[in-house]
Amino acid sequence: MSDALDEDAPNTLTSSAEGRQRLVYTAEEAAETLGVSYNTLRAWVREGRVPCLKIGNRLLFPREEFRRWLDGEARRNLLSIDQEVNKSP
């Protein structure tokens, strides 16, 4: 996972106080972690493909839920690749 997710953000919603872990990631951090553009991430959110919270015009990604989703996506992708590789000709 990207180190960007562990850096302090300039606002209190996503900043870590001393000894506390951040609870949410910003859309920019989530997009960077996924290696996609902000617009692609927004499209995925609209399609319901990525878990997020919408507060006003902001998209926030709950840390634990986002990491669980990302782990699940990685597993699904590996299973899909494995099935392709092991297809009978």
Protein backbone atom coordinates (compact mmCIF):
# COMPACT_ATOMS: atom_id res chain seq x y z
CA MET A 1 0.00 0.00 0.00
CA SER A 2 1.17 3.53 -0.70
CA ASP A 3 2.96 5.50 1.99
CA ALA A 4 0.66 8.41 1.06
CA LEU A 5 -2.06 6.79 3.14
CA ASP A 6 0.00 7.10 6.30
CA GLU A 7 0.97 10.75 5.93
CA ASP A 8 -0.83 13.46 7.85
CA ALA A 9 -3.33 15.47 5.83
CA PRO A 10 -3.85 19.17 6.51
CA ASN A 11 -7.39 18.83 7.89
CA THR A 12 -8.79 17.36 11.08
CA LEU A 13 -10.97 14.74 9.41
CA THR A 14 -8.02 12.95 7.94
CA SER A 15 -5.15 14.09 10.18
CA SER A 16 -3.69 11.91 12.86
CA ALA A 17 -3.38 13.36 16.33
CA GLU A 18 -0.48 12.23 18.48
CA GLY A 19 -0.73 8.47 18.90
CA ARG A 20 -3.95 8.14 16.87
CA GLN A 21 -4.42 6.57 13.47
CA ARG A 22 -6.36 8.35 10.78
CA LEU A 23 -9.87 7.05 10.26
CA VAL A 24 -10.36 8.08 6.62
CA TYR A 25 -8.43 8.69 3.45
CA THR A 26 -9.11 11.48 0.99
CA ALA A 27 -10.18 10.74 -2.58
CA GLU A 28 -6.78 11.88 -3.81
CA GLU A 29 -5.01 9.41 -1.49
CA ALA A 30 -7.33 6.57 -2.47
CA ALA A 31 -6.85 7.28 -6.20
CA GLU A 32 -3.07 7.38 -5.77
CA THR A 33 -3.12 4.09 -3.88
CA LEU A 34 -5.19 2.45 -6.59
CA GLY A 35 -3.04 3.94 -9.35
CA VAL A 36 -6.00 5.59 -11.06
CA SER A 37 -7.05 9.16 -11.72
CA TYR A 38 -9.40 11.05 -9.44
CA ASN A 39 -12.04 10.97 -12.20
CA THR A 40 -11.77 7.18 -12.54
CA LEU A 41 -12.18 6.80 -8.79
CA ARG A 42 -15.27 9.02 -8.85
CA ALA A 43 -16.74 6.89 -11.65
CA TRP A 44 -16.10 3.74 -9.60
CA VAL A 45 -17.79 5.36 -6.60
CA ARG A 46 -20.83 6.25 -8.75
CA GLU A 47 -20.96 2.62 -9.94
CA GLY A 48 -20.76 1.37 -6.35
CA ARG A 49 -17.47 -0.42 -6.94
CA VAL A 50 -15.54 1.31 -4.11
CA PRO A 51 -16.78 1.87 -0.55
CA CYS A 52 -16.82 5.51 0.50
CA LEU A 53 -18.61 8.20 2.48
CA LYS A 54 -19.88 11.31 0.77
CA ILE A 55 -20.00 14.35 3.00
CA GLY A 56 -21.15 17.35 1.04
CA ASN A 57 -18.96 17.34 -2.07
CA ARG A 58 -16.16 15.39 -0.38
CA LEU A 59 -15.49 11.70 -0.86
CA LEU A 60 -13.90 10.05 2.15
CA PHE A 61 -12.76 6.46 2.36
CA PRO A 62 -12.93 4.78 5.79
CA ARG A 63 -9.46 3.34 6.39
CA GLU A 64 -10.36 -0.16 7.55
CA GLU A 65 -13.19 -0.67 5.08
CA PHE A 66 -11.02 0.60 2.21
CA ARG A 67 -8.16 -1.75 3.14
CA ARG A 68 -10.54 -4.74 3.43
CA TRP A 69 -12.03 -3.87 0.04
CA LEU A 70 -8.57 -3.53 -1.48
CA ASP A 71 -7.48 -6.90 -0.06
CA GLY A 72 -10.64 -8.51 -1.47
CA GLU A 73 -10.06 -6.97 -4.90
CA ALA A 74 -6.49 -8.27 -4.94
CA ARG A 75 -7.68 -11.78 -4.08
CA ARG A 76 -10.39 -11.68 -6.76
CA ASN A 77 -7.87 -10.52 -9.36
CA LEU A 78 -5.43 -13.29 -8.43
CA LEU A 79 -8.20 -15.91 -8.65
CA SER A 80 -9.23 -14.56 -12.04
CA ILE A 81 -5.65 -14.73 -13.33
CA ASP A 82 -5.26 -18.25 -11.92
CA GLN A 83 -8.43 -19.40 -13.68
CA GLU A 84 -7.21 -17.92 -16.99
CA VAL A 85 -3.82 -19.60 -16.67
CA ASN A 86 -5.32 -22.99 -15.79
CA LYS A 87 -7.94 -23.05 -18.56
CA SER A 88 -7.89 -26.19 -20.65
CA PRO A 89 -7.07 -25.53 -24.31
